[in-house]
Amino acid sequence: MGKKKAANQGPTQQHLQAYQRMNFLHQASILMSTTFTTLPNKNSKSTEKQHQQQSLAPLGRYYNNNMKKIGRKLVLRSDPSVKRAICKRCDTALIPALTASVRTRGTPTAVVTTCKTCGTQKRLVANPKHQLFNDKTENILPTSQTEP
């Protein structure tokens, strides 16, 4: 007879470090998506220096792409709120009114988030009674189980 499997006690130390790294990359991508830098315009021939604002969004997309690669390599799942905040097509951080537009549509009310970079739409049902699989009480394992 095989050994009994121990109850899921949470992420291991190695996975905890990976989750912390993924969290850092997600936060950095949001920061880079909201940050603008001023660069001198190289094409101006006048003596006055003209400055041009440039977004650091490509760096934010790189961080999100890197975060997804880490999750795929170690077979780790991201939280649904993190998945919903990233465009599946171009890995842009979806920030309402800055990098994405948010609308409500349809008879079964749905929230439609449109990425301003690539135009991909994400539809989420806006049912107040809807509960995520991770948040349902019958799907949560007890944290401590005593074994004889």
Protein backbone atom coordinates (compact mmCIF):
# COMPACT_ATOMS: atom_id res chain seq x y z
CA MET A 1 0.00 0.00 0.00
CA GLY A 2 1.30 3.43 -0.90
CA LYS A 3 2.08 6.22 1.53
CA LYS A 4 -0.60 8.74 2.36
CA LYS A 5 -0.05 12.09 0.74
CA ALA A 6 0.49 14.95 3.12
CA ALA A 7 -2.06 17.75 3.10
CA ASN A 8 -1.21 20.74 0.96
CA GLN A 9 0.60 23.04 3.40
CA GLY A 10 1.10 25.86 0.89
CA PRO A 11 3.96 26.66 -1.45
CA THR A 12 7.40 25.24 -0.79
CA GLN A 13 10.33 27.55 -0.10
CA GLN A 14 11.44 27.33 -3.73
CA HIS A 15 7.95 28.16 -5.00
CA LEU A 16 7.58 30.94 -2.44
CA GLN A 17 10.65 32.64 -3.91
CA ALA A 18 9.23 32.22 -7.42
CA TYR A 19 5.90 33.74 -6.34
CA GLN A 20 7.74 36.67 -4.76
CA ARG A 21 9.70 37.21 -7.98
CA MET A 22 6.52 37.05 -10.06
CA ASN A 23 4.85 39.55 -7.70
CA PHE A 24 7.80 41.92 -8.04
CA LEU A 25 7.74 41.67 -11.85
CA HIS A 26 3.99 42.38 -11.94
CA GLN A 27 4.35 45.45 -9.71
CA ALA A 28 7.30 46.69 -11.78
CA SER A 29 5.32 46.26 -15.00
CA ILE A 30 2.46 48.38 -13.63
CA LEU A 31 4.95 51.06 -12.57
CA MET A 32 6.64 51.09 -15.98
CA SER A 33 3.29 51.29 -17.78
CA THR A 34 2.41 54.46 -15.86
CA THR A 35 5.84 56.12 -16.11
CA PHE A 36 6.84 58.58 -18.83
CA THR A 37 10.35 59.88 -19.44
CA THR A 38 11.50 62.93 -21.36
CA LEU A 39 14.08 62.48 -24.08
CA PRO A 40 15.75 65.16 -26.19
CA ASN A 41 14.46 65.22 -29.75
CA LYS A 42 17.32 64.16 -32.06
CA ASN A 43 15.62 65.33 -35.25
CA SER A 44 15.36 69.01 -34.27
CA LYS A 45 17.97 71.19 -36.03
CA SER A 46 17.27 74.31 -34.02
CA THR A 47 19.52 75.39 -31.18
CA GLU A 48 16.67 75.03 -28.67
CA LYS A 49 16.44 71.58 -27.24
CA GLN A 50 12.99 70.13 -27.71
CA HIS A 51 11.97 67.33 -25.41
CA GLN A 52 9.75 64.41 -26.29
CA GLN A 53 7.86 62.26 -23.80
CA GLN A 54 8.24 58.54 -24.17
CA SER A 55 6.40 55.80 -22.30
CA LEU A 56 8.22 52.94 -20.61
CA ALA A 57 5.36 50.55 -21.50
CA PRO A 58 7.58 48.23 -23.62
CA LEU A 59 9.67 47.57 -20.52
CA GLY A 60 6.47 46.79 -18.60
CA ARG A 61 5.42 44.33 -21.33
CA TYR A 62 8.83 42.66 -21.04
CA TYR A 63 8.37 42.26 -17.26
CA ASN A 64 4.90 40.71 -17.72
CA ASN A 65 6.24 38.36 -20.38
CA ASN A 66 9.08 37.33 -18.06
CA MET A 67 6.58 36.75 -15.21
CA LYS A 68 4.47 34.48 -17.43
CA LYS A 69 7.56 32.52 -18.52
CA ILE A 70 8.53 31.88 -14.89
CA GLY A 71 5.02 30.65 -14.13
CA ARG A 72 4.98 28.32 -17.14
CA LYS A 73 8.44 26.94 -16.44
CA LEU A 74 7.68 26.10 -12.79
CA VAL A 75 4.01 25.18 -13.49
CA LEU A 76 2.67 27.80 -11.07
CA ARG A 77 -0.75 29.41 -11.29
CA SER A 78 -1.20 33.13 -11.06
CA ASP A 79 -4.05 34.68 -9.10
CA PRO A 80 -7.11 35.45 -11.27
CA SER A 81 -6.88 39.16 -10.43
CA VAL A 82 -3.32 39.21 -11.82
CA LYS A 83 -4.39 37.34 -14.97
CA ARG A 84 -7.21 39.83 -15.54
CA ALA A 85 -4.79 42.75 -15.26
CA ILE A 86 -2.61 41.54 -18.16
CA CYS A 87 -3.47 41.45 -21.87
CA LYS A 88 -3.19 37.90 -23.22
CA ARG A 89 -2.01 39.02 -26.64
CA CYS A 90 0.62 41.71 -26.01
CA ASP A 91 1.32 41.34 -22.23
CA THR A 92 0.45 44.99 -21.49
CA ALA A 93 -0.66 45.83 -17.95
CA LEU A 94 -4.35 46.71 -18.30
CA ILE A 95 -4.83 49.95 -16.37
CA PRO A 96 -8.29 51.52 -16.89
CA ALA A 97 -8.24 54.82 -18.85
CA LEU A 98 -4.48 54.61 -19.38
CA THR A 99 -3.72 51.40 -21.25
CA ALA A 100 -7.25 49.95 -21.45
CA SER A 101 -10.84 51.09 -21.84
CA VAL A 102 -13.53 49.47 -19.69
CA ARG A 103 -17.21 49.27 -20.71
CA THR A 104 -20.30 47.40 -19.56
CA ARG A 105 -22.38 45.69 -22.26
CA GLY A 106 -25.00 43.06 -22.95
CA THR A 107 -28.16 41.74 -21.35
CA PRO A 108 -26.23 39.37 -19.13
CA THR A 109 -24.14 42.30 -17.95
CA ALA A 110 -20.49 41.87 -18.85
CA VAL A 111 -17.47 44.07 -18.32
CA VAL A 112 -15.53 44.43 -21.58
CA THR A 113 -11.91 45.51 -21.21
CA THR A 114 -10.22 46.59 -24.46
CA CYS A 115 -6.43 46.86 -24.68
CA LYS A 116 -5.42 50.17 -26.27
CA THR A 117 -2.14 48.70 -27.55
CA CYS A 118 -3.40 45.75 -29.60
CA GLY A 119 -7.21 46.04 -29.47
CA THR A 120 -7.85 42.68 -27.80
CA GLN A 121 -11.11 42.49 -25.85
CA LYS A 122 -11.66 40.62 -22.61
CA ARG A 123 -15.25 39.91 -21.46
CA LEU A 124 -16.01 39.10 -17.81
CA VAL A 125 -19.50 38.40 -16.49
CA ALA A 126 -20.57 41.02 -13.96
CA ASN A 127 -22.88 38.81 -11.90
CA PRO A 128 -22.88 39.88 -8.23
CA LYS A 129 -23.58 36.29 -7.13
CA HIS A 130 -20.62 34.89 -9.12
CA GLN A 131 -17.80 33.51 -7.01
CA LEU A 132 -14.37 32.43 -8.25
CA PHE A 133 -13.41 28.76 -7.93
CA ASN A 134 -10.55 29.68 -5.57
CA ASP A 135 -12.88 31.62 -3.27
CA LYS A 136 -15.52 28.91 -2.78
CA THR A 137 -15.42 27.43 0.72
CA GLU A 138 -15.86 23.80 -0.43
CA ASN A 139 -12.69 24.04 -2.57
CA ILE A 140 -10.40 25.34 0.18
CA LEU A 141 -8.29 22.73 1.90
CA PRO A 142 -7.93 22.94 5.67
CA THR A 143 -4.54 24.32 6.67
CA SER A 144 -3.79 21.81 9.42
CA GLN A 145 -4.80 18.20 9.57
CA THR A 146 -3.71 15.90 12.37
CA GLU A 147 -2.62 12.45 11.37
CA PRO A 148 -2.53 9.54 13.85
